Amino acid sequence: MSVQQYLLQVLETATAFDWFWRLLVLVCFVIWSCAFLFTGFDATADSFLHGVNLVFHKAGHVIFSFAGRFMAILGGTLGQSLMLASLIWGGLVLYTFYQTSRFHRSAP
C-alpha cells in the first residue's frame, strides 16, 4: 500500500494501530501550532513555514508590479492570500473528486 493510498483511504473499521499513529500526528500538529501561537514573531521567523510564505509574498510583489506601483506594494499580501485561497480551493476540488469517484467505483 502506497503512502497516498494509506492517507486517503476511508476505513470502515480502524485498528488500534491506525488510531495511535493518526492521534500522534494530530498531537504533534497541535503542539507545533501552539508553539507558533504563544511565541513572538522573532521565534517563528526561523520556521521553514516562514520561508515558504516569504516566497509567495515576494512573488506577489513581482506578479502584481505590472499593474502599477500601488498594486506592486499591495501585491505581497495579495499574493499570499491568493496562494492560500487557491491551495484551499484545489484541496477541496481534489477531495470532492476523490469522494465522488470512490462512490462511482463501488457501483455495480
Protein backbone atom coordinates (compact mmCIF):
# COMPACT_ATOMS: atom_id res chain seq x y z
CA MET A 1 0.00 0.00 0.00
CA SER A 2 1.42 3.37 -1.01
CA VAL A 3 1.54 6.39 1.29
CA GLN A 4 -1.12 8.14 -0.80
CA GLN A 5 -3.48 5.19 -0.53
CA TYR A 6 -2.87 4.95 3.23
CA LEU A 7 -3.55 8.64 3.85
CA LEU A 8 -6.60 8.90 1.58
CA GLN A 9 -8.37 5.69 2.46
CA VAL A 10 -11.61 5.71 4.39
CA LEU A 11 -11.71 2.76 6.75
CA GLU A 12 -14.96 1.33 7.93
CA THR A 13 -13.16 -0.12 10.93
CA ALA A 14 -9.91 1.36 12.12
CA THR A 15 -7.41 -0.71 14.07
CA ALA A 16 -5.74 0.49 17.25
CA PHE A 17 -2.55 0.93 15.23
CA ASP A 18 -4.30 3.38 12.87
CA TRP A 19 -5.80 5.37 15.71
CA PHE A 20 -2.49 5.57 17.56
CA TRP A 21 -0.49 6.97 14.64
CA ARG A 22 -3.18 9.37 13.49
CA LEU A 23 -3.63 10.64 17.05
CA LEU A 24 0.13 11.03 17.41
CA VAL A 25 0.34 13.12 14.23
CA LEU A 26 -2.61 15.25 15.39
CA VAL A 27 -0.99 15.86 18.80
CA CYS A 28 2.29 16.84 17.11
CA PHE A 29 0.48 19.35 14.90
CA VAL A 30 -1.40 20.80 17.88
CA ILE A 31 1.83 21.24 19.85
CA TRP A 32 3.53 22.79 16.83
CA SER A 33 0.58 25.16 16.28
CA CYS A 34 0.62 26.21 19.94
CA ALA A 35 4.33 26.91 19.64
CA PHE A 36 3.54 29.35 16.83
CA LEU A 37 0.67 30.96 18.72
CA PHE A 38 2.43 31.51 22.02
CA THR A 39 5.81 32.69 20.79
CA GLY A 40 6.70 36.03 19.33
CA PHE A 41 7.28 36.73 15.66
CA ASP A 42 11.07 36.54 16.06
CA ALA A 43 10.87 32.93 17.20
CA THR A 44 8.55 31.87 14.37
CA ALA A 45 10.69 33.61 11.73
CA ASP A 46 13.15 30.70 11.96
CA SER A 47 10.49 28.17 10.95
CA PHE A 48 10.62 26.63 7.48
CA LEU A 49 6.97 27.68 7.02
CA HIS A 50 8.06 31.30 7.16
CA GLY A 51 10.37 30.67 4.20
CA VAL A 52 7.57 29.18 2.11
CA ASN A 53 5.26 32.06 2.98
CA LEU A 54 8.01 34.55 2.16
CA VAL A 55 8.35 33.12 -1.35
CA PHE A 56 4.61 33.62 -2.00
CA HIS A 57 4.82 37.15 -0.57
CA LYS A 58 7.76 38.22 -2.73
CA ALA A 59 6.30 36.58 -5.83
CA GLY A 60 3.13 38.64 -5.28
CA HIS A 61 5.18 41.84 -5.48
CA VAL A 62 6.69 40.75 -8.79
CA ILE A 63 3.46 39.43 -10.32
CA PHE A 64 1.39 42.50 -9.43
CA SER A 65 4.14 45.00 -10.31
CA PHE A 66 2.80 45.09 -13.88
CA ALA A 67 -0.41 46.70 -12.58
CA GLY A 68 1.42 49.77 -11.23
CA ARG A 69 3.25 50.86 -8.09
CA PHE A 70 0.21 50.75 -5.80
CA MET A 71 -0.61 47.16 -6.77
CA ALA A 72 3.06 46.20 -6.54
CA ILE A 73 3.10 47.36 -2.92
CA LEU A 74 -0.12 45.53 -2.10
CA GLY A 75 0.91 42.55 -4.22
CA GLY A 76 2.80 40.83 -1.41
CA THR A 77 -0.20 40.42 0.83
CA LEU A 78 -2.44 39.76 -2.15
CA GLY A 79 -0.03 37.07 -3.39
CA GLN A 80 -0.07 35.33 -0.03
CA SER A 81 -3.85 35.49 0.21
CA LEU A 82 -4.46 34.27 -3.34
CA MET A 83 -1.99 31.40 -2.94
CA LEU A 84 -3.69 30.28 0.27
CA ALA A 85 -7.13 30.55 -1.33
CA SER A 86 -6.00 28.61 -4.40
CA LEU A 87 -4.45 25.85 -2.27
CA ILE A 88 -7.64 25.53 -0.21
CA TRP A 89 -9.79 25.54 -3.35
CA GLY A 90 -7.54 22.96 -5.03
CA GLY A 91 -7.66 20.73 -1.96
CA LEU A 92 -11.45 20.92 -1.85
CA VAL A 93 -11.67 20.09 -5.56
CA LEU A 94 -9.37 17.09 -5.14
CA TYR A 95 -11.25 15.91 -2.06
CA THR A 96 -14.61 16.24 -3.84
CA PHE A 97 -13.26 14.42 -6.88
CA TYR A 98 -11.88 11.64 -4.67
CA GLN A 99 -15.16 11.26 -2.80
CA THR A 100 -17.33 11.17 -5.93
CA SER A 101 -15.00 8.84 -7.83
CA ARG A 102 -14.90 6.50 -4.83
CA PHE A 103 -18.67 6.12 -4.94
CA HIS A 104 -18.72 5.66 -8.71
CA ARG A 105 -16.20 2.83 -8.45
CA SER A 106 -18.38 0.99 -5.96
CA ALA A 107 -21.41 0.96 -8.26
CA PRO A 108 -22.21 -2.44 -9.80
